[in-house]
Amino acid sequence: MKRITLTLLAAGLATLVASAAFADTPGIDRREVRQHERIAQGARSGELTRGEARRLRAGQRHVRRMERRAKADGVVTPRERARITRAQNHQSRTIRRLKHNGRTRV
């Protein structure tokens, strides 16, 4: 199980790094990587249950989809950037709330 998790984490980070090379949104991409690392650290330490980590990863996928849709036409407008930032803020608050809610993986 641990090997599968590490493999998936490595593949996910490689994908993020590859997408960041072609992106015109470096701030959004850096924040996305940091948030993914926070989720992975919480799952490793047991601060996040498996279900909580799964829901947080789904939220991160939602933000990535928003970013891909925004970049589809070749330009990210200020309005799209603000919408993505709001979604990232929401994800960040959710990560913090779930990591500190007292539930632990045993």
PDB file of N, CA and C in Angstrom:
ATOM      1  N   MET A   1       0.825  -1.195   0.000  1.00  0.00           N
ATOM      2  CA  MET A   1       0.000   0.000   0.000  1.00  0.00           C
ATOM      3  C   MET A   1       0.865   1.253   0.000  1.00  0.00           C
ATOM      4  N   LYS A   2       1.923   1.217   0.813  1.00  0.00           N
ATOM      5  CA  LYS A   2       2.800   2.376   0.901  1.00  0.00           C
ATOM      6  C   LYS A   2       3.519   2.621  -0.429  1.00  0.00           C
ATOM      7  N   ARG A   3       3.935   1.539  -1.089  1.00  0.00           N
ATOM      8  CA  ARG A   3       4.627   1.660  -2.361  1.00  0.00           C
ATOM      9  C   ARG A   3       3.702   2.250  -3.426  1.00  0.00           C
ATOM     10  N   ILE A   4       2.439   1.817  -3.430  1.00  0.00           N
ATOM     11  CA  ILE A   4       1.470   2.328  -4.396  1.00  0.00           C
ATOM     12  C   ILE A   4       1.244   3.818  -4.161  1.00  0.00           C
ATOM     13  N   THR A   5       1.082   4.200  -2.897  1.00  0.00           N
ATOM     14  CA  THR A   5       0.862   5.603  -2.558  1.00  0.00           C
ATOM     15  C   THR A   5       2.042   6.460  -3.006  1.00  0.00           C
ATOM     16  N   LEU A   6       3.257   5.988  -2.717  1.00  0.00           N
ATOM     17  CA  LEU A   6       4.440   6.753  -3.116  1.00  0.00           C
ATOM     18  C   LEU A   6       4.558   6.846  -4.627  1.00  0.00           C
ATOM     19  N   THR A   7       4.222   5.767  -5.327  1.00  0.00           N
ATOM     20  CA  THR A   7       4.275   5.786  -6.790  1.00  0.00           C
ATOM     21  C   THR A   7       3.271   6.782  -7.349  1.00  0.00           C
ATOM     22  N   LEU A   8       2.050   6.754  -6.810  1.00  0.00           N
ATOM     23  CA  LEU A   8       1.040   7.701  -7.278  1.00  0.00           C
ATOM     24  C   LEU A   8       1.435   9.141  -6.960  1.00  0.00           C
ATOM     25  N   LEU A   9       2.013   9.355  -5.787  1.00  0.00           N
ATOM     26  CA  LEU A   9       2.463  10.692  -5.411  1.00  0.00           C
ATOM     27  C   LEU A   9       3.553  11.179  -6.367  1.00  0.00           C
ATOM     28  N   ALA A  10       4.510  10.305  -6.662  1.00  0.00           N
ATOM     29  CA  ALA A  10       5.592  10.677  -7.581  1.00  0.00           C
ATOM     30  C   ALA A  10       5.050  10.980  -8.969  1.00  0.00           C
ATOM     31  N   ALA A  11       4.108  10.169  -9.432  1.00  0.00           N
ATOM     32  CA  ALA A  11       3.516  10.401 -10.755  1.00  0.00           C
ATOM     33  C   ALA A  11       2.751  11.719 -10.777  1.00  0.00           C
ATOM     34  N   GLY A  12       2.027  11.992  -9.706  1.00  0.00           N
ATOM     35  CA  GLY A  12       1.271  13.242  -9.630  1.00  0.00           C
ATOM     36  C   GLY A  12       2.183  14.458  -9.624  1.00  0.00           C
ATOM     37  N   LEU A  13       3.254  14.395  -8.854  1.00  0.00           N
ATOM     38  CA  LEU A  13       4.194  15.514  -8.819  1.00  0.00           C
ATOM     39  C   LEU A  13       4.900  15.682 -10.164  1.00  0.00           C
ATOM     40  N   ALA A  14       5.222  14.579 -10.828  1.00  0.00           N
ATOM     41  CA  ALA A  14       5.850  14.673 -12.146  1.00  0.00           C
ATOM     42  C   ALA A  14       4.910  15.335 -13.139  1.00  0.00           C
ATOM     43  N   THR A  15       3.631  14.993 -13.048  1.00  0.00           N
ATOM     44  CA  THR A  15       2.634  15.614 -13.924  1.00  0.00           C
ATOM     45  C   THR A  15       2.532  17.105 -13.652  1.00  0.00           C
ATOM     46  N   LEU A  16       2.527  17.471 -12.377  1.00  0.00           N
ATOM     47  CA  LEU A  16       2.447  18.886 -12.027  1.00  0.00           C
ATOM     48  C   LEU A  16       3.667  19.652 -12.529  1.00  0.00           C
ATOM     49  N   VAL A  17       4.838  19.055 -12.372  1.00  0.00           N
ATOM     50  CA  VAL A  17       6.057  19.717 -12.833  1.00  0.00           C
ATOM     51  C   VAL A  17       6.031  19.861 -14.349  1.00  0.00           C
ATOM     52  N   ALA A  18       5.594  18.832 -15.049  1.00  0.00           N
ATOM     53  CA  ALA A  18       5.531  18.896 -16.508  1.00  0.00           C
ATOM     54  C   ALA A  18       4.534  19.951 -16.958  1.00  0.00           C
ATOM     55  N   SER A  19       3.382  20.023 -16.292  1.00  0.00           N
ATOM     56  CA  SER A  19       2.390  21.025 -16.682  1.00  0.00           C
ATOM     57  C   SER A  19       2.860  22.428 -16.327  1.00  0.00           C
ATOM     58  N   ALA A  20       3.646  22.547 -15.265  1.00  0.00           N
ATOM     59  CA  ALA A  20       4.142  23.863 -14.873  1.00  0.00           C
ATOM     60  C   ALA A  20       5.134  24.413 -15.900  1.00  0.00           C
ATOM     61  N   ALA A  21       5.821  23.525 -16.603  1.00  0.00           N
ATOM     62  CA  ALA A  21       6.789  23.976 -17.597  1.00  0.00           C
ATOM     63  C   ALA A  21       6.109  24.702 -18.748  1.00  0.00           C
ATOM     64  N   PHE A  22       4.864  24.365 -19.061  1.00  0.00           N
ATOM     65  CA  PHE A  22       4.155  24.983 -20.166  1.00  0.00           C
ATOM     66  C   PHE A  22       3.129  26.008 -19.702  1.00  0.00           C
ATOM     67  N   ALA A  23       3.032  26.234 -18.418  1.00  0.00           N
ATOM     68  CA  ALA A  23       1.970  27.073 -17.870  1.00  0.00           C
ATOM     69  C   ALA A  23       2.378  28.539 -17.853  1.00  0.00           C
ATOM     70  N   ASP A  24       1.362  29.385 -17.931  1.00  0.00           N
ATOM     71  CA  ASP A  24       1.589  30.813 -17.775  1.00  0.00           C
ATOM     72  C   ASP A  24       1.038  31.270 -16.428  1.00  0.00           C
ATOM     73  N   THR A  25       0.864  30.325 -15.518  1.00  0.00           N
ATOM     74  CA  THR A  25       0.321  30.623 -14.193  1.00  0.00           C
ATOM     75  C   THR A  25       1.252  30.049 -13.120  1.00  0.00           C
ATOM     76  N   PRO A  26       2.474  30.567 -13.009  1.00  0.00           N
ATOM     77  CA  PRO A  26       3.427  29.962 -12.073  1.00  0.00           C
ATOM     78  C   PRO A  26       2.992  30.052 -10.608  1.00  0.00           C
ATOM     79  N   GLY A  27       2.356  31.135 -10.212  1.00  0.00           N
ATOM     80  CA  GLY A  27       1.916  31.260  -8.824  1.00  0.00           C
ATOM     81  C   GLY A  27       0.856  30.239  -8.470  1.00  0.00           C
ATOM     82  N   ILE A  28      -0.072  30.041  -9.370  1.00  0.00           N
ATOM     83  CA  ILE A  28      -1.133  29.054  -9.153  1.00  0.00           C
ATOM     84  C   ILE A  28      -0.525  27.659  -9.092  1.00  0.00           C
ATOM     85  N   ASP A  29       0.414  27.383  -9.978  1.00  0.00           N
ATOM     86  CA  ASP A  29       1.031  26.056 -10.016  1.00  0.00           C
ATOM     87  C   ASP A  29       1.848  25.774  -8.758  1.00  0.00           C
ATOM     88  N   ARG A  30       2.617  26.751  -8.294  1.00  0.00           N
ATOM     89  CA  ARG A  30       3.409  26.558  -7.072  1.00  0.00           C
ATOM     90  C   ARG A  30       2.504  26.280  -5.883  1.00  0.00           C
ATOM     91  N   ARG A  31       1.420  27.029  -5.799  1.00  0.00           N
ATOM     92  CA  ARG A  31       0.495  26.843  -4.686  1.00  0.00           C
ATOM     93  C   ARG A  31      -0.158  25.464  -4.756  1.00  0.00           C
ATOM     94  N   GLU A  32      -0.476  25.024  -5.944  1.00  0.00           N
ATOM     95  CA  GLU A  32      -1.077  23.709  -6.136  1.00  0.00           C
ATOM     96  C   GLU A  32      -0.132  22.615  -5.637  1.00  0.00           C
ATOM     97  N   VAL A  33       1.149  22.734  -5.953  1.00  0.00           N
ATOM     98  CA  VAL A  33       2.144  21.753  -5.510  1.00  0.00           C
ATOM     99  C   VAL A  33       2.250  21.773  -3.985  1.00  0.00           C
ATOM    100  N   ARG A  34       2.314  22.965  -3.390  1.00  0.00           N
ATOM    101  CA  ARG A  34       2.416  23.063  -1.923  1.00  0.00           C
ATOM    102  C   ARG A  34       1.209  22.444  -1.245  1.00  0.00           C
ATOM    103  N   GLN A  35       0.016  22.696  -1.778  1.00  0.00           N
ATOM    104  CA  GLN A  35      -1.177  22.132  -1.170  1.00  0.00           C
ATOM    105  C   GLN A  35      -1.186  20.617  -1.306  1.00  0.00           C
ATOM    106  N   HIS A  36      -0.746  20.115  -2.442  1.00  0.00           N
ATOM    107  CA  HIS A  36      -0.666  18.665  -2.620  1.00  0.00           C
ATOM    108  C   HIS A  36       0.310  18.071  -1.599  1.00  0.00           C
ATOM    109  N   GLU A  37       1.434  18.738  -1.366  1.00  0.00           N
ATOM    110  CA  GLU A  37       2.406  18.269  -0.377  1.00  0.00           C
ATOM    111  C   GLU A  37       1.809  18.282   1.028  1.00  0.00           C
ATOM    112  N   ARG A  38       1.004  19.290   1.340  1.00  0.00           N
ATOM    113  CA  ARG A  38       0.353  19.338   2.659  1.00  0.00           C
ATOM    114  C   ARG A  38      -0.589  18.153   2.844  1.00  0.00           C
ATOM    115  N   ILE A  39      -1.319  17.804   1.791  1.00  0.00           N
ATOM    116  CA  ILE A  39      -2.230  16.666   1.859  1.00  0.00           C
ATOM    117  C   ILE A  39      -1.430  15.379   2.049  1.00  0.00           C
ATOM    118  N   ALA A  40      -0.371  15.208   1.273  1.00  0.00           N
ATOM    119  CA  ALA A  40       0.453  13.999   1.367  1.00  0.00           C
ATOM    120  C   ALA A  40       1.073  13.880   2.760  1.00  0.00           C
ATOM    121  N   GLN A  41       1.564  14.987   3.304  1.00  0.00           N
ATOM    122  CA  GLN A  41       2.165  14.967   4.633  1.00  0.00           C
ATOM    123  C   GLN A  41       1.128  14.597   5.679  1.00  0.00           C
ATOM    124  N   GLY A  42      -0.073  15.136   5.560  1.00  0.00           N
ATOM    125  CA  GLY A  42      -1.137  14.813   6.510  1.00  0.00           C
ATOM    126  C   GLY A  42      -1.539  13.357   6.439  1.00  0.00           C
ATOM    127  N   ALA A  43      -1.560  12.802   5.234  1.00  0.00           N
ATOM    128  CA  ALA A  43      -1.891  11.379   5.073  1.00  0.00           C
ATOM    129  C   ALA A  43      -0.793  10.516   5.662  1.00  0.00           C
ATOM    130  N   ARG A  44       0.482  10.891   5.434  1.00  0.00           N
ATOM    131  CA  ARG A  44       1.603  10.128   5.980  1.00  0.00           C
ATOM    132  C   ARG A  44       1.617  10.157   7.502  1.00  0.00           C
ATOM    133  N   SER A  45       1.372  11.317   8.080  1.00  0.00           N
ATOM    134  CA  SER A  45       1.472  11.457   9.536  1.00  0.00           C
ATOM    135  C   SER A  45       0.255  10.905  10.260  1.00  0.00           C
ATOM    136  N   GLY A  46      -0.816  10.670   9.531  1.00  0.00           N
ATOM    137  CA  GLY A  46      -2.027  10.162  10.162  1.00  0.00           C
ATOM    138  C   GLY A  46      -2.987  11.263  10.586  1.00  0.00           C
ATOM    139  N   GLU A  47      -2.621  12.528  10.345  1.00  0.00           N
ATOM    140  CA  GLU A  47      -3.521  13.645  10.682  1.00  0.00           C
ATOM    141  C   GLU A  47      -4.795  13.595   9.847  1.00  0.00           C
ATOM    142  N   LEU A  48      -4.683  13.044   8.644  1.00  0.00           N
ATOM    143  CA  LEU A  48      -5.837  12.914   7.752  1.00  0.00           C
ATOM    144  C   LEU A  48      -6.222  11.446   7.647  1.00  0.00           C
ATOM    145  N   THR A  49      -7.500  11.182   7.726  1.00  0.00           N
ATOM    146  CA  THR A  49      -7.965   9.825   7.469  1.00  0.00           C
ATOM    147  C   THR A  49      -7.917   9.590   5.962  1.00  0.00           C
ATOM    148  N   ARG A  50      -8.079   8.346   5.555  1.00  0.00           N
ATOM    149  CA  ARG A  50      -8.035   8.040   4.123  1.00  0.00           C
ATOM    150  C   ARG A  50      -9.153   8.773   3.372  1.00  0.00           C
ATOM    151  N   GLY A  51     -10.339   8.802   3.973  1.00  0.00           N
ATOM    152  CA  GLY A  51     -11.465   9.476   3.337  1.00  0.00           C
ATOM    153  C   GLY A  51     -11.244  10.971   3.211  1.00  0.00           C
ATOM    154  N   GLU A  52     -10.676  11.576   4.259  1.00  0.00           N
ATOM    155  CA  GLU A  52     -10.394  13.015   4.203  1.00  0.00           C
ATOM    156  C   GLU A  52      -9.376  13.317   3.112  1.00  0.00           C
ATOM    157  N   ALA A  53      -8.322  12.508   3.047  1.00  0.00           N
ATOM    158  CA  ALA A  53      -7.293  12.711   2.018  1.00  0.00           C
ATOM    159  C   ALA A  53      -7.892  12.545   0.626  1.00  0.00           C
ATOM    160  N   ARG A  54      -8.767  11.562   0.468  1.00  0.00           N
ATOM    161  CA  ARG A  54      -9.414  11.326  -0.834  1.00  0.00           C
ATOM    162  C   ARG A  54     -10.236  12.540  -1.245  1.00  0.00           C
ATOM    163  N   ARG A  55     -11.015  13.097  -0.302  1.00  0.00           N
ATOM    164  CA  ARG A  55     -11.838  14.268  -0.621  1.00  0.00           C
ATOM    165  C   ARG A  55     -10.972  15.481  -0.952  1.00  0.00           C
ATOM    166  N   LEU A  56      -9.867  15.646  -0.225  1.00  0.00           N
ATOM    167  CA  LEU A  56      -8.978  16.775  -0.514  1.00  0.00           C
ATOM    168  C   LEU A  56      -8.334  16.637  -1.889  1.00  0.00           C
ATOM    169  N   ARG A  57      -7.947  15.422  -2.249  1.00  0.00           N
ATOM    170  CA  ARG A  57      -7.370  15.212  -3.586  1.00  0.00           C
ATOM    171  C   ARG A  57      -8.400  15.491  -4.674  1.00  0.00           C
ATOM    172  N   ALA A  58      -9.655  15.137  -4.409  1.00  0.00           N
ATOM    173  CA  ALA A  58     -10.718  15.436  -5.374  1.00  0.00           C
ATOM    174  C   ALA A  58     -10.873  16.948  -5.528  1.00  0.00           C
ATOM    175  N   GLY A  59     -10.759  17.680  -4.436  1.00  0.00           N
ATOM    176  CA  GLY A  59     -10.823  19.140  -4.500  1.00  0.00           C
ATOM    177  C   GLY A  59      -9.669  19.715  -5.305  1.00  0.00           C
ATOM    178  N   GLN A  60      -8.481  19.135  -5.151  1.00  0.00           N
ATOM    179  CA  GLN A  60      -7.323  19.578  -5.925  1.00  0.00           C
ATOM    180  C   GLN A  60      -7.525  19.296  -7.406  1.00  0.00           C
ATOM    181  N   ARG A  61      -8.130  18.149  -7.727  1.00  0.00           N
ATOM    182  CA  ARG A  61      -8.425  17.853  -9.136  1.00  0.00           C
ATOM    183  C   ARG A  61      -9.383  18.893  -9.712  1.00  0.00           C
ATOM    184  N   HIS A  62     -10.354  19.319  -8.906  1.00  0.00           N
ATOM    185  CA  HIS A  62     -11.307  20.333  -9.349  1.00  0.00           C
ATOM    186  C   HIS A  62     -10.566  21.633  -9.694  1.00  0.00           C
ATOM    187  N   VAL A  63      -9.634  22.037  -8.853  1.00  0.00           N
ATOM    188  CA  VAL A  63      -8.874  23.267  -9.105  1.00  0.00           C
ATOM    189  C   VAL A  63      -8.032  23.108 -10.370  1.00  0.00           C
ATOM    190  N   ARG A  64      -7.406  21.932 -10.560  1.00  0.00           N
ATOM    191  CA  ARG A  64      -6.616  21.694 -11.779  1.00  0.00           C
ATOM    192  C   ARG A  64      -7.479  21.766 -13.024  1.00  0.00           C
ATOM    193  N   ARG A  65      -8.699  21.205 -12.948  1.00  0.00           N
ATOM    194  CA  ARG A  65      -9.613  21.277 -14.099  1.00  0.00           C
ATOM    195  C   ARG A  65      -9.989  22.723 -14.396  1.00  0.00           C
ATOM    196  N   MET A  66     -10.245  23.504 -13.339  1.00  0.00           N
ATOM    197  CA  MET A  66     -10.564  24.919 -13.537  1.00  0.00           C
ATOM    198  C   MET A  66      -9.414  25.621 -14.263  1.00  0.00           C
ATOM    199  N   GLU A  67      -8.196  25.332 -13.838  1.00  0.00           N
ATOM    200  CA  GLU A  67      -7.031  25.971 -14.445  1.00  0.00           C
ATOM    201  C   GLU A  67      -6.879  25.537 -15.910  1.00  0.00           C
ATOM    202  N   ARG A  68      -7.049  24.257 -16.191  1.00  0.00           N
ATOM    203  CA  ARG A  68      -6.951  23.786 -17.578  1.00  0.00           C
ATOM    204  C   ARG A  68      -7.988  24.445 -18.465  1.00  0.00           C
ATOM    205  N   ARG A  69      -9.229  24.568 -17.952  1.00  0.00           N
ATOM    206  CA  ARG A  69     -10.279  25.218 -18.743  1.00  0.00           C
ATOM    207  C   ARG A  69      -9.942  26.686 -18.984  1.00  0.00           C
ATOM    208  N   ALA A  70      -9.370  27.341 -17.965  1.00  0.00           N
ATOM    209  CA  ALA A  70      -9.029  28.749 -18.116  1.00  0.00           C
ATOM    210  C   ALA A  70      -7.924  28.935 -19.159  1.00  0.00           C
ATOM    211  N   LYS A  71      -6.980  27.991 -19.215  1.00  0.00           N
ATOM    212  CA  LYS A  71      -5.856  28.111 -20.143  1.00  0.00           C
ATOM    213  C   LYS A  71      -6.184  27.577 -21.534  1.00  0.00           C
ATOM    214  N   ALA A  72      -7.337  26.976 -21.717  1.00  0.00           N
ATOM    215  CA  ALA A  72      -7.678  26.339 -22.984  1.00  0.00           C
ATOM    216  C   ALA A  72      -7.647  27.313 -24.157  1.00  0.00           C
ATOM    217  N   ASP A  73      -8.026  28.554 -23.931  1.00  0.00           N
ATOM    218  CA  ASP A  73      -8.045  29.524 -25.031  1.00  0.00           C
ATOM    219  C   ASP A  73      -6.723  30.286 -25.150  1.00  0.00           C
ATOM    220  N   GLY A  74      -5.728  29.919 -24.341  1.00  0.00           N
ATOM    221  CA  GLY A  74      -4.408  30.523 -24.454  1.00  0.00           C
ATOM    222  C   GLY A  74      -4.162  31.703 -23.543  1.00  0.00           C
ATOM    223  N   VAL A  75      -5.181  32.183 -22.840  1.00  0.00           N
ATOM    224  CA  VAL A  75      -4.992  33.317 -21.933  1.00  0.00           C
ATOM    225  C   VAL A  75      -5.859  33.104 -20.700  1.00  0.00           C
ATOM    226  N   VAL A  76      -5.287  33.448 -19.545  1.00  0.00           N
ATOM    227  CA  VAL A  76      -6.034  33.377 -18.293  1.00  0.00           C
ATOM    228  C   VAL A  76      -6.403  34.805 -17.922  1.00  0.00           C
ATOM    229  N   THR A  77      -7.683  35.106 -17.966  1.00  0.00           N
ATOM    230  CA  THR A  77      -8.140  36.455 -17.669  1.00  0.00           C
ATOM    231  C   THR A  77      -8.055  36.719 -16.169  1.00  0.00           C
ATOM    232  N   PRO A  78      -8.032  37.987 -15.766  1.00  0.00           N
ATOM    233  CA  PRO A  78      -8.022  38.298 -14.334  1.00  0.00           C
ATOM    234  C   PRO A  78      -9.215  37.685 -13.589  1.00  0.00           C
ATOM    235  N   ARG A  79     -10.350  37.644 -14.248  1.00  0.00           N
ATOM    236  CA  ARG A  79     -11.537  37.054 -13.613  1.00  0.00           C
ATOM    237  C   ARG A  79     -11.351  35.545 -13.387  1.00  0.00           C
ATOM    238  N   GLU A  80     -10.791  34.853 -14.381  1.00  0.00           N
ATOM    239  CA  GLU A  80     -10.526  33.419 -14.231  1.00  0.00           C
ATOM    240  C   GLU A  80      -9.485  33.180 -13.134  1.00  0.00           C
ATOM    241  N   ARG A  81      -8.449  34.014 -13.128  1.00  0.00           N
ATOM    242  CA  ARG A  81      -7.400  33.887 -12.117  1.00  0.00           C
ATOM    243  C   ARG A  81      -7.983  34.084 -10.716  1.00  0.00           C
ATOM    244  N   ALA A  82      -8.864  35.058 -10.557  1.00  0.00           N
ATOM    245  CA  ALA A  82      -9.489  35.313  -9.254  1.00  0.00           C
ATOM    246  C   ALA A  82     -10.347  34.129  -8.832  1.00  0.00           C
ATOM    247  N   ARG A  83     -11.049  33.533  -9.774  1.00  0.00           N
ATOM    248  CA  ARG A  83     -11.900  32.377  -9.473  1.00  0.00           C
ATOM    249  C   ARG A  83     -11.051  31.183  -9.025  1.00  0.00           C
ATOM    250  N   ILE A  84      -9.925  30.964  -9.704  1.00  0.00           N
ATOM    251  CA  ILE A  84      -9.029  29.875  -9.332  1.00  0.00           C
ATOM    252  C   ILE A  84      -8.424  30.144  -7.958  1.00  0.00           C
ATOM    253  N   THR A  85      -8.041  31.396  -7.704  1.00  0.00           N
ATOM    254  CA  THR A  85      -7.480  31.750  -6.401  1.00  0.00           C
ATOM    255  C   THR A  85      -8.485  31.524  -5.284  1.00  0.00           C
ATOM    256  N   ARG A  86      -9.748  31.875  -5.524  1.00  0.00           N
ATOM    257  CA  ARG A  86     -10.791  31.623  -4.518  1.00  0.00           C
ATOM    258  C   ARG A  86     -10.925  30.133  -4.239  1.00  0.00           C
ATOM    259  N   ALA A  87     -10.881  29.326  -5.286  1.00  0.00           N
ATOM    260  CA  ALA A  87     -10.980  27.873  -5.112  1.00  0.00           C
ATOM    261  C   ALA A  87      -9.774  27.344  -4.335  1.00  0.00           C
ATOM    262  N   GLN A  88      -8.593  27.887  -4.619  1.00  0.00           N
ATOM    263  CA  GLN A  88      -7.402  27.462  -3.882  1.00  0.00           C
ATOM    264  C   GLN A  88      -7.482  27.898  -2.415  1.00  0.00           C
ATOM    265  N   ASN A  89      -8.001  29.086  -2.161  1.00  0.00           N
ATOM    266  CA  ASN A  89      -8.183  29.542  -0.777  1.00  0.00           C
ATOM    267  C   ASN A  89      -9.121  28.599  -0.032  1.00  0.00           C
ATOM    268  N   HIS A  90     -10.199  28.223  -0.694  1.00  0.00           N
ATOM    269  CA  HIS A  90     -11.166  27.304  -0.086  1.00  0.00           C
ATOM    270  C   HIS A  90     -10.494  25.970   0.220  1.00  0.00           C
ATOM    271  N   GLN A  91      -9.720  25.451  -0.735  1.00  0.00           N
ATOM    272  CA  GLN A  91      -9.014  24.191  -0.527  1.00  0.00           C
ATOM    273  C   GLN A  91      -8.037  24.306   0.639  1.00  0.00           C
ATOM    274  N   SER A  92      -7.315  25.414   0.716  1.00  0.00           N
ATOM    275  CA  SER A  92      -6.338  25.599   1.782  1.00  0.00           C
ATOM    276  C   SER A  92      -7.017  25.579   3.152  1.00  0.00           C
ATOM    277  N   ARG A  93      -8.137  26.280   3.265  1.00  0.00           N
ATOM    278  CA  ARG A  93      -8.874  26.287   4.534  1.00  0.00           C
ATOM    279  C   ARG A  93      -9.371  24.885   4.880  1.00  0.00           C
ATOM    280  N   THR A  94      -9.834  24.160   3.866  1.00  0.00           N
ATOM    281  CA  THR A  94     -10.339  22.808   4.097  1.00  0.00           C
ATOM    282  C   THR A  94      -9.212  21.873   4.538  1.00  0.00           C
ATOM    283  N   ILE A  95      -8.043  22.002   3.924  1.00  0.00           N
ATOM    284  CA  ILE A  95      -6.899  21.185   4.325  1.00  0.00           C
ATOM    285  C   ILE A  95      -6.570  21.444   5.784  1.00  0.00           C
ATOM    286  N   ARG A  96      -6.490  22.701   6.162  1.00  0.00           N
ATOM    287  CA  ARG A  96      -6.159  23.042   7.540  1.00  0.00           C
ATOM    288  C   ARG A  96      -7.214  22.514   8.503  1.00  0.00           C
ATOM    289  N   ARG A  97      -8.476  22.719   8.154  1.00  0.00           N
ATOM    290  CA  ARG A  97      -9.565  22.285   9.038  1.00  0.00           C
ATOM    291  C   ARG A  97      -9.529  20.772   9.250  1.00  0.00           C
ATOM    292  N   LEU A  98      -9.341  20.016   8.182  1.00  0.00           N
ATOM    293  CA  LEU A  98      -9.349  18.566   8.298  1.00  0.00           C
ATOM    294  C   LEU A  98      -8.098  18.028   8.999  1.00  0.00           C
ATOM    295  N   LYS A  99      -6.960  18.698   8.818  1.00  0.00           N
ATOM    296  CA  LYS A  99      -5.744  18.244   9.493  1.00  0.00           C
ATOM    297  C   LYS A  99      -5.803  18.490  10.996  1.00  0.00           C
ATOM    298  N   HIS A 100      -6.627  19.422  11.422  1.00  0.00           N
ATOM    299  CA  HIS A 100      -6.696  19.784  12.845  1.00  0.00           C
ATOM    300  C   HIS A 100      -8.033  19.446  13.488  1.00  0.00           C
ATOM    301  N   ASN A 101      -8.777  18.500  12.936  1.00  0.00           N
ATOM    302  CA  ASN A 101     -10.100  18.218  13.471  1.00  0.00           C
ATOM    303  C   ASN A 101     -10.096  17.133  14.544  1.00  0.00           C
ATOM    304  N   GLY A 102      -8.955  16.606  14.911  1.00  0.00           N
ATOM    305  CA  GLY A 102      -8.882  15.618  15.971  1.00  0.00           C
ATOM    306  C   GLY A 102      -9.056  14.182  15.512  1.00  0.00           C
ATOM    307  N   ARG A 103      -9.483  13.968  14.285  1.00  0.00           N
ATOM    308  CA  ARG A 103      -9.588  12.605  13.771  1.00  0.00           C
ATOM    309  C   ARG A 103      -8.225  12.182  13.255  1.00  0.00           C
ATOM    310  N   THR A 104      -7.863  10.958  13.543  1.00  0.00           N
ATOM    311  CA  THR A 104      -6.581  10.441  13.077  1.00  0.00           C
ATOM    312  C   THR A 104      -6.778   9.076  12.473  1.00  0.00           C
ATOM    313  N   ARG A 105      -5.849   8.730  11.583  1.00  0.00           N
ATOM    314  CA  ARG A 105      -5.839   7.404  10.988  1.00  0.00           C
ATOM    315  C   ARG A 105      -5.069   6.514  11.940  1.00  0.00           C
ATOM    316  N   VAL A 106      -5.621   5.373  12.229  1.00  0.00           N
ATOM    317  CA  VAL A 106      -4.984   4.458  13.183  1.00  0.00           C
ATOM    318  C   VAL A 106      -4.248   3.359  12.468  1.00  0.00           C
TER     319      VAL A 106
END
